[in-house]
Each structure stands twice: as structure tokens, then as C-alpha cells.
Amino acid sequence: VVSTQSTGTAARVQDMLFLSFLLVILVSGHPDLVSGDPNLPIWPKQFRWSYAGVPAGYKCVQIKEPSDPNTWEDNYFCWEKQCSDPGFRWSHAGAIGGMRCTQVVEPSDPHTWQDNYLCVPKTSNYHFTWAYGTSMRPSGKSCIQWLEPSDEKHTWLDNYLCGNAGAGPTY
């Protein structure tokens, strides 16, 4: 015979163990909990590059190399406004600590592009690669061209940010 009191205590202990388990997963940064926002933008469908300011209907991160005089102050990497912010950050001075960063480099451009990075949270579902030439585009990836027509002499006509099609939301 099991008393009601011991059954209630066992249930509470089981509930506490389950909550502790969830807390450990959340604190450890389990990607399905941290980046599991079903409203994140879908790659590449809900993203856009702009070399002429922030486009209507989009939220963006500015892509700027202050040492480059070729109109980089109006360049943005954007996602549709109705989507959640994917947490992207840009750095023109090295990778950002605590984030997963993709180097954005154009070896033909002399204006210090070797230390530029697009960074995502470490738990992000977005895993990017950079191609500074059309022939470098990875097979099996979907790419968005980063074009700056005013900087064509430094070959900013064939640069691409690439990722896995459909990356973004986790359901």
C-alpha cells in the first residue's frame, strides 16, 4: 500500500528533476531552445543585400569598412521586417568574442578588408561561408551576392555570402 503523501512527494521530486534538466539545457545553450524561434528569417529567401541604404520592409545590420572610401557607408545585410532579429553583428576590426564569425574578405581590395567579420550567436542555425570569387561558391549552398558597384576596381562584383537553404527557424 502506497500512501498519498509518498506519491505526492515522488511526483514533486520528479517535477523538480525535470525542471532541473530543462534549466541545465537552457544554461548550456542548447541550440533548439536558444535559436528555436520559429519566426527567424529563412535563408536565403527572407534576406537581402543592399548597397543603397536600408530597403523598405527590412531590418538590417550595416556593413562598413571605414578605411574604404568607395561608398561603403550605405551597405546593409538585411532580413524581412516581420521576422525575428537573427542577432547578426558586423565587425570591421576582427572577430567578436563569444560569437561565431565568418571572415568577409576581398584580397584585391587594399582598404583593410582582411579583418572584417559577420558574426552570429554561437547557437545560431546560420552557418555561413564567404566566397570572394564566383568560382569559390560552395556547391550545395545558397548564396546572396554582396555587390558594391562603386568599388568595382577592387572586384566587389563577385562576392557571395553562402549558407544552407532553409536555415533559420527550428520548430
N, C-alpha and C. Protein backbone atom coordinates (compact mmCIF):
# COMPACT_ATOMS: atom_id res chain seq x y z
N VAL A 1 0.85 -1.18 0.00
CA VAL A 1 0.00 0.00 0.00
C VAL A 1 0.89 1.23 0.00
N VAL A 2 0.65 2.14 -0.94
CA VAL A 2 1.42 3.39 -1.06
C VAL A 2 0.56 4.51 -0.51
N SER A 3 1.14 5.26 0.38
CA SER A 3 0.37 6.37 0.95
C SER A 3 0.29 7.53 -0.04
N THR A 4 -0.74 8.33 0.10
CA THR A 4 -0.93 9.51 -0.75
C THR A 4 0.21 10.50 -0.55
N GLN A 5 0.71 10.59 0.65
CA GLN A 5 1.78 11.54 0.94
C GLN A 5 3.06 11.16 0.19
N SER A 6 3.43 9.88 0.15
CA SER A 6 4.65 9.48 -0.56
C SER A 6 4.49 9.61 -2.06
N THR A 7 3.30 9.39 -2.58
CA THR A 7 3.05 9.55 -4.01
C THR A 7 3.19 11.03 -4.40
N GLY A 8 2.65 11.91 -3.58
CA GLY A 8 2.77 13.35 -3.85
C GLY A 8 4.21 13.82 -3.78
N THR A 9 4.97 13.31 -2.84
CA THR A 9 6.38 13.68 -2.71
C THR A 9 7.16 13.18 -3.92
N ALA A 10 6.89 11.97 -4.36
CA ALA A 10 7.58 11.41 -5.53
C ALA A 10 7.29 12.25 -6.78
N ALA A 11 6.05 12.68 -6.92
CA ALA A 11 5.68 13.50 -8.07
C ALA A 11 6.41 14.84 -8.04
N ARG A 12 6.50 15.43 -6.83
CA ARG A 12 7.21 16.71 -6.71
C ARG A 12 8.69 16.54 -7.03
N VAL A 13 9.29 15.46 -6.55
CA VAL A 13 10.71 15.18 -6.84
C VAL A 13 10.90 15.00 -8.34
N GLN A 14 10.00 14.27 -8.98
CA GLN A 14 10.09 14.06 -10.43
C GLN A 14 9.96 15.39 -11.17
N ASP A 15 9.03 16.25 -10.75
CA ASP A 15 8.86 17.57 -11.37
C ASP A 15 10.12 18.42 -11.19
N MET A 16 10.71 18.37 -10.01
CA MET A 16 11.92 19.15 -9.75
C MET A 16 13.09 18.65 -10.61
N LEU A 17 13.20 17.34 -10.77
CA LEU A 17 14.26 16.79 -11.62
C LEU A 17 14.07 17.23 -13.07
N PHE A 18 12.82 17.21 -13.55
CA PHE A 18 12.54 17.63 -14.91
C PHE A 18 12.87 19.11 -15.10
N LEU A 19 12.48 19.96 -14.16
CA LEU A 19 12.79 21.39 -14.25
C LEU A 19 14.30 21.63 -14.19
N SER A 20 15.02 20.87 -13.36
CA SER A 20 16.48 20.98 -13.30
C SER A 20 17.09 20.61 -14.63
N PHE A 21 16.58 19.55 -15.26
CA PHE A 21 17.06 19.11 -16.57
C PHE A 21 16.87 20.22 -17.60
N LEU A 22 15.68 20.83 -17.61
CA LEU A 22 15.43 21.93 -18.55
C LEU A 22 16.36 23.11 -18.29
N LEU A 23 16.60 23.43 -17.04
CA LEU A 23 17.48 24.53 -16.70
C LEU A 23 18.91 24.26 -17.18
N VAL A 24 19.39 23.03 -17.02
CA VAL A 24 20.73 22.67 -17.48
C VAL A 24 20.82 22.83 -19.00
N ILE A 25 19.81 22.39 -19.72
CA ILE A 25 19.81 22.53 -21.18
C ILE A 25 19.81 24.00 -21.57
N LEU A 26 18.98 24.80 -20.92
CA LEU A 26 18.90 26.22 -21.25
C LEU A 26 20.21 26.93 -20.95
N VAL A 27 20.81 26.68 -19.81
CA VAL A 27 22.06 27.33 -19.43
C VAL A 27 23.21 26.88 -20.33
N SER A 28 23.18 25.62 -20.78
CA SER A 28 24.26 25.12 -21.63
C SER A 28 24.15 25.65 -23.05
N GLY A 29 23.07 26.33 -23.37
CA GLY A 29 22.94 26.92 -24.70
C GLY A 29 22.51 25.93 -25.75
N HIS A 30 21.67 25.01 -25.40
CA HIS A 30 21.17 24.04 -26.38
C HIS A 30 20.54 24.79 -27.54
N PRO A 31 21.00 24.54 -28.78
CA PRO A 31 20.57 25.35 -29.91
C PRO A 31 19.07 25.32 -30.19
N ASP A 32 18.40 24.20 -29.91
CA ASP A 32 16.98 24.14 -30.20
C ASP A 32 16.16 25.03 -29.26
N LEU A 33 16.70 25.36 -28.09
CA LEU A 33 15.99 26.24 -27.18
C LEU A 33 16.35 27.69 -27.42
N VAL A 34 17.63 27.96 -27.66
CA VAL A 34 18.07 29.34 -27.81
C VAL A 34 17.72 29.88 -29.20
N SER A 35 17.97 29.10 -30.25
CA SER A 35 17.71 29.59 -31.60
C SER A 35 16.45 28.97 -32.19
N GLY A 36 15.60 28.42 -31.35
CA GLY A 36 14.40 27.75 -31.83
C GLY A 36 13.24 28.68 -32.14
N ASP A 37 13.51 29.93 -32.38
CA ASP A 37 12.47 30.89 -32.71
C ASP A 37 11.89 30.56 -34.08
N PRO A 38 10.62 30.18 -34.16
CA PRO A 38 10.04 29.82 -35.45
C PRO A 38 9.85 31.02 -36.38
N ASN A 39 10.12 32.24 -35.89
CA ASN A 39 9.94 33.43 -36.72
C ASN A 39 11.27 33.97 -37.25
N LEU A 40 12.35 33.21 -37.10
CA LEU A 40 13.63 33.65 -37.69
C LEU A 40 13.52 33.64 -39.21
N PRO A 41 14.23 34.54 -39.89
CA PRO A 41 14.17 34.56 -41.35
C PRO A 41 14.78 33.29 -41.96
N ILE A 42 14.21 32.85 -43.07
CA ILE A 42 14.65 31.63 -43.76
C ILE A 42 15.70 32.02 -44.80
N TRP A 43 16.83 31.30 -44.78
CA TRP A 43 17.92 31.54 -45.72
C TRP A 43 17.64 30.84 -47.03
N PRO A 44 17.86 31.49 -48.18
CA PRO A 44 18.16 32.90 -48.42
C PRO A 44 16.91 33.72 -48.72
N LYS A 45 15.77 33.04 -48.70
CA LYS A 45 14.51 33.62 -49.15
C LYS A 45 14.14 34.94 -48.48
N GLN A 46 14.41 35.07 -47.19
CA GLN A 46 13.96 36.26 -46.47
C GLN A 46 15.11 37.21 -46.12
N PHE A 47 16.20 37.12 -46.89
CA PHE A 47 17.35 38.00 -46.72
C PHE A 47 17.59 38.81 -47.99
N ARG A 48 18.34 39.89 -47.83
CA ARG A 48 18.63 40.75 -48.98
C ARG A 48 19.89 41.57 -48.69
N TRP A 49 20.68 41.79 -49.72
CA TRP A 49 21.83 42.69 -49.67
C TRP A 49 21.40 44.02 -50.29
N SER A 50 21.86 45.12 -49.70
CA SER A 50 21.58 46.43 -50.29
C SER A 50 22.84 47.29 -50.27
N TYR A 51 23.17 47.88 -51.42
CA TYR A 51 24.28 48.84 -51.50
C TYR A 51 23.77 50.28 -51.59
N ALA A 52 22.46 50.45 -51.28
CA ALA A 52 21.86 51.78 -51.38
C ALA A 52 20.94 52.07 -50.20
N GLY A 53 21.40 51.77 -48.99
CA GLY A 53 20.61 52.06 -47.80
C GLY A 53 19.69 50.93 -47.39
N VAL A 54 18.94 51.15 -46.33
CA VAL A 54 18.02 50.13 -45.80
C VAL A 54 16.78 50.08 -46.69
N PRO A 55 16.49 48.92 -47.27
CA PRO A 55 15.29 48.83 -48.12
C PRO A 55 14.01 48.81 -47.28
N ALA A 56 12.93 49.32 -47.85
CA ALA A 56 11.64 49.32 -47.17
C ALA A 56 11.23 47.89 -46.85
N GLY A 57 10.71 47.69 -45.64
CA GLY A 57 10.23 46.37 -45.24
C GLY A 57 11.31 45.45 -44.68
N TYR A 58 12.49 46.00 -44.39
CA TYR A 58 13.61 45.18 -43.89
C TYR A 58 14.24 45.80 -42.66
N LYS A 59 14.82 44.94 -41.84
CA LYS A 59 15.72 45.33 -40.75
C LYS A 59 17.11 44.88 -41.20
N CYS A 60 18.15 45.59 -40.76
CA CYS A 60 19.47 45.33 -41.32
C CYS A 60 20.59 45.51 -40.30
N VAL A 61 21.74 44.97 -40.67
CA VAL A 61 22.99 45.27 -40.00
C VAL A 61 23.85 46.01 -41.04
N GLN A 62 24.45 47.11 -40.63
CA GLN A 62 25.27 47.89 -41.56
C GLN A 62 26.60 47.17 -41.79
N ILE A 63 27.01 47.13 -43.05
CA ILE A 63 28.28 46.52 -43.44
C ILE A 63 29.18 47.66 -43.91
N LYS A 64 30.19 47.98 -43.09
CA LYS A 64 31.00 49.16 -43.37
C LYS A 64 32.46 48.89 -43.03
N GLU A 65 33.32 49.30 -43.93
CA GLU A 65 34.76 49.32 -43.68
C GLU A 65 35.17 50.78 -43.72
N PRO A 66 35.40 51.41 -42.55
CA PRO A 66 35.68 52.85 -42.50
C PRO A 66 36.90 53.27 -43.32
N SER A 67 37.84 52.36 -43.54
CA SER A 67 39.04 52.71 -44.31
C SER A 67 38.81 52.71 -45.81
N ASP A 68 37.67 52.20 -46.25
CA ASP A 68 37.39 52.11 -47.68
C ASP A 68 36.59 53.33 -48.12
N PRO A 69 37.14 54.15 -49.02
CA PRO A 69 36.46 55.38 -49.45
C PRO A 69 35.37 55.17 -50.49
N ASN A 70 35.13 53.93 -50.91
CA ASN A 70 34.23 53.66 -52.03
C ASN A 70 32.78 53.40 -51.61
N THR A 71 32.15 54.34 -50.98
CA THR A 71 30.72 54.39 -50.61
C THR A 71 30.21 53.18 -49.84
N TRP A 72 30.99 52.67 -48.92
CA TRP A 72 30.53 51.54 -48.10
C TRP A 72 29.61 51.97 -46.96
N GLU A 73 29.40 53.25 -46.75
CA GLU A 73 28.57 53.70 -45.62
C GLU A 73 27.08 53.41 -45.82
N ASP A 74 26.66 53.03 -47.02
CA ASP A 74 25.24 52.77 -47.27
C ASP A 74 24.96 51.30 -47.62
N ASN A 75 25.83 50.40 -47.16
CA ASN A 75 25.67 48.98 -47.45
C ASN A 75 25.10 48.24 -46.25
N TYR A 76 24.11 47.36 -46.53
CA TYR A 76 23.41 46.67 -45.46
C TYR A 76 23.10 45.23 -45.86
N PHE A 77 23.18 44.34 -44.86
CA PHE A 77 22.73 42.97 -45.00
C PHE A 77 21.42 42.88 -44.20
N CYS A 78 20.35 42.48 -44.86
CA CYS A 78 19.01 42.66 -44.30
C CYS A 78 18.19 41.38 -44.28
N TRP A 79 17.16 41.41 -43.43
CA TRP A 79 16.16 40.35 -43.34
C TRP A 79 14.80 41.00 -43.27
N GLU A 80 13.76 40.27 -43.68
CA GLU A 80 12.40 40.83 -43.72
C GLU A 80 11.98 41.30 -42.32
N LYS A 81 11.36 42.46 -42.29
CA LYS A 81 11.00 43.14 -41.05
C LYS A 81 10.08 42.32 -40.14
N GLN A 82 9.19 41.51 -40.71
CA GLN A 82 8.26 40.75 -39.88
C GLN A 82 8.93 39.57 -39.18
N CYS A 83 10.18 39.27 -39.54
CA CYS A 83 10.92 38.16 -38.92
C CYS A 83 11.63 38.63 -37.65
N SER A 84 11.96 37.69 -36.81
CA SER A 84 12.74 37.99 -35.60
C SER A 84 14.16 38.38 -35.98
N ASP A 85 14.79 39.17 -35.14
CA ASP A 85 16.17 39.58 -35.34
C ASP A 85 17.07 38.36 -35.15
N PRO A 86 17.88 37.99 -36.16
CA PRO A 86 18.74 36.81 -36.04
C PRO A 86 20.00 37.04 -35.20
N GLY A 87 20.21 38.26 -34.73
CA GLY A 87 21.35 38.52 -33.85
C GLY A 87 22.67 38.73 -34.57
N PHE A 88 22.64 39.08 -35.85
CA PHE A 88 23.87 39.32 -36.60
C PHE A 88 24.57 40.58 -36.11
N ARG A 89 25.90 40.53 -36.12
CA ARG A 89 26.69 41.72 -35.81
C ARG A 89 27.85 41.80 -36.80
N TRP A 90 28.24 43.01 -37.14
CA TRP A 90 29.33 43.26 -38.07
C TRP A 90 30.51 43.84 -37.32
N SER A 91 31.70 43.41 -37.69
CA SER A 91 32.91 43.99 -37.13
C SER A 91 33.91 44.27 -38.25
N HIS A 92 34.44 45.49 -38.25
CA HIS A 92 35.50 45.85 -39.20
C HIS A 92 36.85 45.80 -38.51
N ALA A 93 36.91 45.20 -37.32
CA ALA A 93 38.15 45.16 -36.54
C ALA A 93 38.33 43.81 -35.84
N GLY A 94 38.13 42.73 -36.57
CA GLY A 94 38.34 41.39 -36.01
C GLY A 94 37.06 40.71 -35.56
N ALA A 95 37.19 39.41 -35.31
CA ALA A 95 36.06 38.60 -34.87
C ALA A 95 35.56 39.09 -33.50
N ILE A 96 34.27 38.92 -33.25
CA ILE A 96 33.66 39.34 -32.00
C ILE A 96 33.66 38.14 -31.04
N GLY A 97 34.23 38.33 -29.88
CA GLY A 97 34.29 37.27 -28.88
C GLY A 97 32.91 36.78 -28.48
N GLY A 98 32.80 35.48 -28.26
CA GLY A 98 31.53 34.90 -27.84
C GLY A 98 30.55 34.67 -28.97
N MET A 99 30.97 34.94 -30.21
CA MET A 99 30.11 34.74 -31.37
C MET A 99 30.85 33.85 -32.38
N ARG A 100 30.08 33.28 -33.32
CA ARG A 100 30.67 32.50 -34.42
C ARG A 100 30.75 33.44 -35.63
N CYS A 101 31.94 33.66 -36.12
CA CYS A 101 32.16 34.70 -37.13
C CYS A 101 32.66 34.12 -38.46
N THR A 102 32.22 34.75 -39.54
CA THR A 102 32.66 34.42 -40.89
C THR A 102 33.45 35.60 -41.42
N GLN A 103 34.69 35.33 -41.83
CA GLN A 103 35.53 36.41 -42.37
C GLN A 103 34.99 36.84 -43.73
N VAL A 104 34.85 38.16 -43.90
CA VAL A 104 34.41 38.75 -45.17
C VAL A 104 35.62 39.50 -45.71
N VAL A 105 36.22 38.91 -46.73
CA VAL A 105 37.48 39.44 -47.24
C VAL A 105 37.42 39.56 -48.76
N GLU A 106 38.05 40.58 -49.28
CA GLU A 106 38.28 40.73 -50.72
C GLU A 106 39.76 41.03 -50.88
N PRO A 107 40.57 40.00 -51.20
CA PRO A 107 42.02 40.18 -51.27
C PRO A 107 42.47 41.26 -52.26
N SER A 108 41.65 41.57 -53.26
CA SER A 108 42.03 42.58 -54.25
C SER A 108 41.80 44.00 -53.76
N ASP A 109 41.11 44.16 -52.63
CA ASP A 109 40.81 45.49 -52.12
C ASP A 109 41.86 45.87 -51.08
N PRO A 110 42.59 46.97 -51.29
CA PRO A 110 43.67 47.36 -50.37
C PRO A 110 43.19 48.06 -49.09
N HIS A 111 41.90 48.22 -48.91
CA HIS A 111 41.38 49.02 -47.79
C HIS A 111 41.03 48.18 -46.56
N THR A 112 41.96 47.43 -46.05
CA THR A 112 41.90 46.65 -44.79
C THR A 112 40.69 45.74 -44.65
N TRP A 113 40.30 45.06 -45.71
CA TRP A 113 39.18 44.12 -45.63
C TRP A 113 39.57 42.78 -44.99
N GLN A 114 40.82 42.58 -44.63
CA GLN A 114 41.24 41.29 -44.08
C GLN A 114 40.75 41.05 -42.66
N ASP A 115 40.26 42.07 -41.97
CA ASP A 115 39.83 41.91 -40.57
C ASP A 115 38.33 42.17 -40.37
N ASN A 116 37.54 41.93 -41.41
CA ASN A 116 36.10 42.17 -41.36
C ASN A 116 35.35 40.84 -41.18
N TYR A 117 34.33 40.87 -40.31
CA TYR A 117 33.60 39.65 -39.98
C TYR A 117 32.11 39.91 -39.82
N LEU A 118 31.31 38.97 -40.31
CA LEU A 118 29.90 38.90 -40.00
C LEU A 118 29.76 37.82 -38.93
N CYS A 119 29.18 38.18 -37.79
CA CYS A 119 29.10 37.26 -36.67
C CYS A 119 27.66 36.93 -36.33
N VAL A 120 27.46 35.71 -35.87
CA VAL A 120 26.15 35.22 -35.43
C VAL A 120 26.31 34.66 -34.02
N PRO A 121 25.22 34.58 -33.25
CA PRO A 121 25.33 33.93 -31.96
C PRO A 121 25.85 32.49 -32.13
N LYS A 122 26.61 32.01 -31.17
CA LYS A 122 27.18 30.66 -31.28
C LYS A 122 26.13 29.59 -31.46
N THR A 123 24.93 29.83 -30.95
CA THR A 123 23.86 28.83 -31.05
C THR A 123 23.00 29.02 -32.30
N SER A 124 23.38 29.92 -33.18
CA SER A 124 22.59 30.22 -34.37
C SER A 124 22.54 29.02 -35.31
N ASN A 125 21.42 28.91 -36.02
CA ASN A 125 21.28 27.88 -37.04
C ASN A 125 21.91 28.30 -38.37
N TYR A 126 22.37 29.53 -38.45
CA TYR A 126 23.00 30.02 -39.68
C TYR A 126 24.50 29.70 -39.62
N HIS A 127 24.96 28.97 -40.64
CA HIS A 127 26.38 28.63 -40.76
C HIS A 127 26.83 29.14 -42.13
N PHE A 128 27.53 30.27 -42.13
CA PHE A 128 27.88 30.93 -43.38
C PHE A 128 29.29 30.60 -43.83
N THR A 129 29.47 30.70 -45.15
CA THR A 129 30.80 30.69 -45.76
C THR A 129 30.85 31.89 -46.68
N TRP A 130 32.06 32.38 -46.94
CA TRP A 130 32.27 33.55 -47.77
C TRP A 130 33.02 33.15 -49.02
N ALA A 131 32.60 33.69 -50.15
CA ALA A 131 33.29 33.45 -51.42
C ALA A 131 33.60 34.79 -52.05
N TYR A 132 34.89 35.08 -52.31
CA TYR A 132 35.26 36.35 -52.94
C TYR A 132 35.53 36.17 -54.42
N GLY A 133 34.97 35.13 -54.99
CA GLY A 133 35.01 34.89 -56.42
C GLY A 133 33.90 33.91 -56.78
N THR A 134 33.30 34.07 -57.94
CA THR A 134 32.20 33.21 -58.36
C THR A 134 32.60 31.74 -58.32
N SER A 135 33.81 31.42 -58.73
CA SER A 135 34.26 30.02 -58.76
C SER A 135 34.45 29.44 -57.35
N MET A 136 34.47 30.28 -56.34
CA MET A 136 34.66 29.82 -54.96
C MET A 136 33.34 29.48 -54.27
N ARG A 137 32.23 29.75 -54.91
CA ARG A 137 30.93 29.48 -54.30
C ARG A 137 30.82 27.99 -54.00
N PRO A 138 30.50 27.63 -52.76
CA PRO A 138 30.44 26.21 -52.40
C PRO A 138 29.23 25.51 -53.00
N SER A 139 29.43 24.29 -53.48
CA SER A 139 28.30 23.55 -54.04
C SER A 139 27.37 23.13 -52.91
N GLY A 140 26.10 23.08 -53.22
CA GLY A 140 25.11 22.68 -52.24
C GLY A 140 24.68 23.79 -51.29
N LYS A 141 25.20 24.99 -51.47
CA LYS A 141 24.83 26.13 -50.62
C LYS A 141 24.08 27.15 -51.45
N SER A 142 23.26 27.93 -50.78
CA SER A 142 22.56 29.05 -51.44
C SER A 142 23.29 30.33 -51.06
N CYS A 143 23.50 31.18 -52.06
CA CYS A 143 24.33 32.36 -51.85
C CYS A 143 23.59 33.65 -52.20
N ILE A 144 23.97 34.71 -51.49
CA ILE A 144 23.48 36.06 -51.78
C ILE A 144 24.68 36.89 -52.16
N GLN A 145 24.59 37.56 -53.31
CA GLN A 145 25.71 38.38 -53.77
C GLN A 145 25.80 39.68 -52.97
N TRP A 146 27.01 40.02 -52.55
CA TRP A 146 27.31 41.30 -51.90
C TRP A 146 28.01 42.16 -52.95
N LEU A 147 27.28 43.07 -53.50
CA LEU A 147 27.75 43.87 -54.62
C LEU A 147 27.90 45.33 -54.19
N GLU A 148 29.02 45.93 -54.55
CA GLU A 148 29.20 47.37 -54.38
C GLU A 148 29.70 47.91 -55.71
N PRO A 149 28.79 48.38 -56.58
CA PRO A 149 29.19 48.85 -57.91
C PRO A 149 30.21 49.98 -57.89
N SER A 150 30.22 50.79 -56.85
CA SER A 150 31.17 51.90 -56.77
C SER A 150 32.59 51.44 -56.46
N ASP A 151 32.75 50.17 -56.11
CA ASP A 151 34.07 49.63 -55.76
C ASP A 151 34.47 48.51 -56.71
N GLU A 152 34.05 48.63 -57.97
CA GLU A 152 34.31 47.56 -58.94
C GLU A 152 35.78 47.36 -59.25
N LYS A 153 36.61 48.40 -59.11
CA LYS A 153 38.04 48.23 -59.42
C LYS A 153 38.72 47.28 -58.44
N HIS A 154 38.09 47.08 -57.27
CA HIS A 154 38.64 46.13 -56.30
C HIS A 154 37.85 44.83 -56.30
N THR A 155 37.19 44.55 -57.40
CA THR A 155 36.44 43.32 -57.70
C THR A 155 35.33 43.00 -56.71
N TRP A 156 34.58 44.00 -56.27
CA TRP A 156 33.40 43.74 -55.43
C TRP A 156 32.19 43.45 -56.32
N LEU A 157 32.40 42.72 -57.40
CA LEU A 157 31.32 42.34 -58.31
C LEU A 157 31.02 40.85 -58.24
N ASP A 158 31.85 40.09 -57.51
CA ASP A 158 31.71 38.63 -57.49
C ASP A 158 31.89 38.05 -56.09
N ASN A 159 31.28 38.70 -55.10
CA ASN A 159 31.41 38.28 -53.71
C ASN A 159 30.07 37.76 -53.20
N TYR A 160 30.12 36.67 -52.41
CA TYR A 160 28.90 36.00 -52.00
C TYR A 160 28.97 35.52 -50.55
N LEU A 161 27.86 35.69 -49.84
CA LEU A 161 27.67 35.06 -48.54
C LEU A 161 26.79 33.85 -48.78
N CYS A 162 27.25 32.69 -48.33
CA CYS A 162 26.56 31.44 -48.63
C CYS A 162 26.17 30.70 -47.36
N GLY A 163 25.07 29.99 -47.43
CA GLY A 163 24.60 29.21 -46.30
C GLY A 163 23.69 28.09 -46.77
N ASN A 164 23.24 27.28 -45.84
CA ASN A 164 22.34 26.17 -46.16
C ASN A 164 20.93 26.68 -46.40
N ALA A 165 20.37 26.34 -47.54
CA ALA A 165 19.00 26.76 -47.86
C ALA A 165 18.06 26.26 -46.78
N GLY A 166 17.16 27.14 -46.37
CA GLY A 166 16.16 26.79 -45.37
C GLY A 166 16.62 27.00 -43.93
N ALA A 167 17.91 27.36 -43.72
CA ALA A 167 18.38 27.59 -42.36
C ALA A 167 17.62 28.74 -41.73
N GLY A 168 17.47 28.68 -40.45
CA GLY A 168 16.78 29.72 -39.71
C GLY A 168 15.93 29.14 -38.62
N PRO A 169 14.62 29.07 -38.83
CA PRO A 169 13.75 28.63 -37.74
C PRO A 169 13.95 27.15 -37.39
N THR A 170 13.77 26.86 -36.13
CA THR A 170 13.73 25.49 -35.65
C THR A 170 12.36 25.28 -35.03
N TYR A 171 11.69 24.26 -35.46
CA TYR A 171 10.33 24.00 -34.94
C TYR A 171 10.34 22.89 -33.94
